[in-house]
Amino acid sequence: MGILTWILVGLVAGFIAKAIHPGKDPGGFIVTILIGIGGAILGGFVSSLFGFGTVDGFNFGSLIIAILGAVLLLWLYRRFSTRRA
């Protein structure tokens, strides 16, 4: 998958993850995009380990995997960033 597809899937996944898991995040829109991209990578890695599939393009299955990874990453980010503050 090309870098532009990763960014697009990450942007959409980050936006949807933020809607599913609302709240204040330091960093704003850029951090949301980065969390979405990281979530797409994390979701693809974890789902391929368990044999559920991978993030292999802009399709429904890849988007769901990326969203789940982004929600998990957003939750972890909030959990550890609030402890430091």
N, C-alpha and C. Protein backbone atom coordinates (compact mmCIF):
# COMPACT_ATOMS: atom_id res chain seq x y z
N MET A 1 0.86 -1.16 0.00
CA MET A 1 0.00 0.00 0.00
C MET A 1 0.90 1.23 0.00
N GLY A 2 0.55 2.21 -0.80
CA GLY A 2 1.35 3.42 -0.91
C GLY A 2 1.18 4.33 0.30
N ILE A 3 2.12 5.24 0.44
CA ILE A 3 2.12 6.14 1.59
C ILE A 3 0.87 7.03 1.59
N LEU A 4 0.40 7.44 0.42
CA LEU A 4 -0.80 8.27 0.37
C LEU A 4 -2.04 7.51 0.84
N THR A 5 -2.09 6.23 0.53
CA THR A 5 -3.21 5.42 1.00
C THR A 5 -3.16 5.26 2.51
N TRP A 6 -1.95 5.04 3.07
CA TRP A 6 -1.81 4.95 4.53
C TRP A 6 -2.28 6.24 5.18
N ILE A 7 -1.90 7.39 4.61
CA ILE A 7 -2.30 8.67 5.18
C ILE A 7 -3.81 8.85 5.08
N LEU A 8 -4.39 8.48 3.96
CA LEU A 8 -5.84 8.60 3.79
C LEU A 8 -6.59 7.68 4.74
N VAL A 9 -6.19 6.43 4.82
CA VAL A 9 -6.83 5.49 5.75
C VAL A 9 -6.62 5.96 7.19
N GLY A 10 -5.42 6.44 7.50
CA GLY A 10 -5.13 6.95 8.84
C GLY A 10 -5.95 8.17 9.19
N LEU A 11 -6.14 9.06 8.23
CA LEU A 11 -6.96 10.25 8.46
C LEU A 11 -8.40 9.88 8.76
N VAL A 12 -8.95 9.01 7.96
CA VAL A 12 -10.34 8.58 8.17
C VAL A 12 -10.45 7.80 9.48
N ALA A 13 -9.53 6.89 9.73
CA ALA A 13 -9.56 6.09 10.96
C ALA A 13 -9.39 6.97 12.18
N GLY A 14 -8.49 7.94 12.14
CA GLY A 14 -8.30 8.84 13.26
C GLY A 14 -9.52 9.69 13.52
N PHE A 15 -10.15 10.18 12.46
CA PHE A 15 -11.37 10.98 12.60
C PHE A 15 -12.50 10.16 13.22
N ILE A 16 -12.70 8.94 12.74
CA ILE A 16 -13.76 8.08 13.27
C ILE A 16 -13.43 7.64 14.70
N ALA A 17 -12.16 7.33 14.98
CA ALA A 17 -11.77 6.95 16.34
C ALA A 17 -12.03 8.09 17.31
N LYS A 18 -11.76 9.32 16.88
CA LYS A 18 -12.02 10.49 17.73
C LYS A 18 -13.52 10.65 17.98
N ALA A 19 -14.35 10.32 16.98
CA ALA A 19 -15.79 10.39 17.15
C ALA A 19 -16.29 9.28 18.08
N ILE A 20 -15.69 8.11 18.00
CA ILE A 20 -16.08 6.99 18.86
C ILE A 20 -15.62 7.22 20.29
N HIS A 21 -14.43 7.79 20.44
CA HIS A 21 -13.80 7.99 21.75
C HIS A 21 -13.53 9.48 21.93
N PRO A 22 -14.59 10.30 22.13
CA PRO A 22 -14.40 11.75 22.19
C PRO A 22 -13.71 12.19 23.48
N GLY A 23 -13.15 13.36 23.45
CA GLY A 23 -12.49 13.93 24.61
C GLY A 23 -11.40 14.88 24.18
N LYS A 24 -10.77 15.49 25.17
CA LYS A 24 -9.70 16.44 24.88
C LYS A 24 -8.39 15.70 24.67
N ASP A 25 -7.70 16.08 23.61
CA ASP A 25 -6.38 15.54 23.31
C ASP A 25 -5.43 16.68 23.06
N PRO A 26 -4.26 16.65 23.67
CA PRO A 26 -3.27 17.65 23.30
C PRO A 26 -2.74 17.37 21.91
N GLY A 27 -2.55 18.38 21.11
CA GLY A 27 -2.00 18.19 19.78
C GLY A 27 -3.00 18.43 18.67
N GLY A 28 -4.26 18.23 18.91
CA GLY A 28 -5.30 18.53 17.92
C GLY A 28 -5.32 17.62 16.71
N PHE A 29 -5.56 18.24 15.57
CA PHE A 29 -5.81 17.53 14.32
C PHE A 29 -4.61 16.72 13.86
N ILE A 30 -3.42 17.27 13.97
CA ILE A 30 -2.21 16.57 13.51
C ILE A 30 -1.99 15.30 14.32
N VAL A 31 -2.17 15.39 15.63
CA VAL A 31 -2.01 14.21 16.49
C VAL A 31 -3.07 13.17 16.15
N THR A 32 -4.29 13.62 15.85
CA THR A 32 -5.35 12.68 15.46
C THR A 32 -4.98 11.93 14.19
N ILE A 33 -4.40 12.62 13.21
CA ILE A 33 -3.96 11.97 11.97
C ILE A 33 -2.85 10.96 12.27
N LEU A 34 -1.89 11.37 13.09
CA LEU A 34 -0.78 10.47 13.42
C LEU A 34 -1.26 9.25 14.19
N ILE A 35 -2.20 9.45 15.11
CA ILE A 35 -2.78 8.32 15.84
C ILE A 35 -3.54 7.41 14.88
N GLY A 36 -4.25 7.98 13.93
CA GLY A 36 -4.95 7.17 12.93
C GLY A 36 -4.01 6.35 12.08
N ILE A 37 -2.91 6.96 11.63
CA ILE A 37 -1.93 6.23 10.83
C ILE A 37 -1.28 5.13 11.67
N GLY A 38 -0.91 5.47 12.90
CA GLY A 38 -0.34 4.46 13.80
C GLY A 38 -1.34 3.36 14.10
N GLY A 39 -2.61 3.73 14.24
CA GLY A 39 -3.66 2.73 14.47
C GLY A 39 -3.84 1.81 13.29
N ALA A 40 -3.73 2.35 12.08
CA ALA A 40 -3.83 1.51 10.88
C ALA A 40 -2.68 0.51 10.85
N ILE A 41 -1.50 0.97 11.20
CA ILE A 41 -0.33 0.08 11.22
C ILE A 41 -0.49 -0.96 12.33
N LEU A 42 -0.85 -0.50 13.53
CA LEU A 42 -1.03 -1.40 14.67
C LEU A 42 -2.16 -2.40 14.40
N GLY A 43 -3.28 -1.92 13.91
CA GLY A 43 -4.41 -2.80 13.61
C GLY A 43 -4.07 -3.84 12.56
N GLY A 44 -3.35 -3.42 11.51
CA GLY A 44 -2.94 -4.36 10.48
C GLY A 44 -1.98 -5.41 11.00
N PHE A 45 -1.05 -4.98 11.85
CA PHE A 45 -0.07 -5.92 12.42
C PHE A 45 -0.75 -6.93 13.34
N VAL A 46 -1.59 -6.45 14.26
CA VAL A 46 -2.25 -7.34 15.22
C VAL A 46 -3.23 -8.28 14.52
N SER A 47 -4.00 -7.75 13.57
CA SER A 47 -4.97 -8.61 12.88
C SER A 47 -4.29 -9.65 12.00
N SER A 48 -3.14 -9.31 11.43
CA SER A 48 -2.43 -10.31 10.64
C SER A 48 -1.80 -11.38 11.53
N LEU A 49 -1.41 -10.99 12.75
CA LEU A 49 -0.88 -12.00 13.69
C LEU A 49 -1.95 -13.03 14.05
N PHE A 50 -3.19 -12.57 14.21
CA PHE A 50 -4.28 -13.46 14.59
C PHE A 50 -5.02 -14.04 13.39
N GLY A 51 -4.59 -13.72 12.17
CA GLY A 51 -5.18 -14.28 10.97
C GLY A 51 -6.50 -13.68 10.54
N PHE A 52 -6.80 -12.45 10.99
CA PHE A 52 -8.06 -11.80 10.62
C PHE A 52 -7.96 -11.01 9.33
N GLY A 53 -6.79 -10.75 8.85
CA GLY A 53 -6.60 -9.96 7.64
C GLY A 53 -5.63 -8.83 7.90
N THR A 54 -5.38 -8.04 6.86
CA THR A 54 -4.44 -6.94 6.96
C THR A 54 -5.06 -5.68 6.39
N VAL A 55 -4.39 -4.57 6.60
CA VAL A 55 -4.78 -3.32 5.98
C VAL A 55 -4.08 -3.30 4.63
N ASP A 56 -4.83 -3.61 3.56
CA ASP A 56 -4.20 -3.78 2.25
C ASP A 56 -4.78 -2.87 1.17
N GLY A 57 -5.40 -1.81 1.55
CA GLY A 57 -5.96 -0.86 0.60
C GLY A 57 -7.10 -0.12 1.25
N PHE A 58 -7.73 0.74 0.49
CA PHE A 58 -8.85 1.50 1.03
C PHE A 58 -10.14 0.75 0.75
N ASN A 59 -10.45 -0.20 1.63
CA ASN A 59 -11.70 -0.95 1.53
C ASN A 59 -12.32 -1.06 2.92
N PHE A 60 -13.50 -1.61 3.01
CA PHE A 60 -14.24 -1.64 4.27
C PHE A 60 -13.52 -2.43 5.36
N GLY A 61 -13.00 -3.59 5.04
CA GLY A 61 -12.31 -4.42 6.03
C GLY A 61 -11.06 -3.73 6.57
N SER A 62 -10.29 -3.14 5.68
CA SER A 62 -9.09 -2.42 6.11
C SER A 62 -9.44 -1.22 6.98
N LEU A 63 -10.51 -0.54 6.63
CA LEU A 63 -10.93 0.62 7.41
C LEU A 63 -11.36 0.22 8.81
N ILE A 64 -12.09 -0.88 8.93
CA ILE A 64 -12.51 -1.36 10.25
C ILE A 64 -11.30 -1.74 11.10
N ILE A 65 -10.35 -2.44 10.52
CA ILE A 65 -9.13 -2.82 11.23
C ILE A 65 -8.38 -1.57 11.67
N ALA A 66 -8.26 -0.59 10.77
CA ALA A 66 -7.55 0.64 11.09
C ALA A 66 -8.27 1.43 12.18
N ILE A 67 -9.59 1.46 12.14
CA ILE A 67 -10.37 2.17 13.17
C ILE A 67 -10.18 1.52 14.53
N LEU A 68 -10.25 0.20 14.57
CA LEU A 68 -10.05 -0.50 15.85
C LEU A 68 -8.65 -0.24 16.40
N GLY A 69 -7.66 -0.26 15.53
CA GLY A 69 -6.30 0.05 15.97
C GLY A 69 -6.18 1.49 16.43
N ALA A 70 -6.83 2.42 15.75
CA ALA A 70 -6.76 3.83 16.13
C ALA A 70 -7.47 4.08 17.45
N VAL A 71 -8.60 3.41 17.69
CA VAL A 71 -9.30 3.56 18.97
C VAL A 71 -8.41 3.04 20.10
N LEU A 72 -7.79 1.91 19.89
CA LEU A 72 -6.89 1.35 20.89
C LEU A 72 -5.71 2.29 21.15
N LEU A 73 -5.12 2.80 20.09
CA LEU A 73 -3.98 3.70 20.23
C LEU A 73 -4.39 5.02 20.88
N LEU A 74 -5.58 5.53 20.55
CA LEU A 74 -6.08 6.76 21.17
C LEU A 74 -6.32 6.54 22.66
N TRP A 75 -6.87 5.39 23.02
CA TRP A 75 -7.10 5.08 24.42
C TRP A 75 -5.78 5.01 25.18
N LEU A 76 -4.79 4.33 24.59
CA LEU A 76 -3.48 4.24 25.23
C LEU A 76 -2.82 5.61 25.34
N TYR A 77 -2.95 6.42 24.31
CA TYR A 77 -2.37 7.77 24.32
C TYR A 77 -2.97 8.61 25.45
N ARG A 78 -4.28 8.57 25.57
CA ARG A 78 -4.93 9.33 26.63
C ARG A 78 -4.58 8.80 28.01
N ARG A 79 -4.50 7.51 28.13
CA ARG A 79 -4.20 6.90 29.43
C ARG A 79 -2.82 7.30 29.92
N PHE A 80 -1.83 7.27 29.03
CA PHE A 80 -0.47 7.59 29.45
C PHE A 80 -0.16 9.07 29.44
N SER A 81 -0.85 9.85 28.60
CA SER A 81 -0.59 11.29 28.58
C SER A 81 -1.23 11.99 29.78
N THR A 82 -2.32 11.46 30.33
CA THR A 82 -2.94 12.09 31.49
C THR A 82 -2.18 11.78 32.77
N ARG A 83 -1.44 10.70 32.79
CA ARG A 83 -0.64 10.37 33.98
C ARG A 83 0.52 11.32 34.16
N ARG A 84 1.07 11.78 33.04
CA ARG A 84 2.21 12.70 33.10
C ARG A 84 1.79 14.09 33.54
N ALA A 85 0.58 14.49 33.19
CA ALA A 85 0.13 15.86 33.49
C ALA A 85 -0.22 16.03 34.95
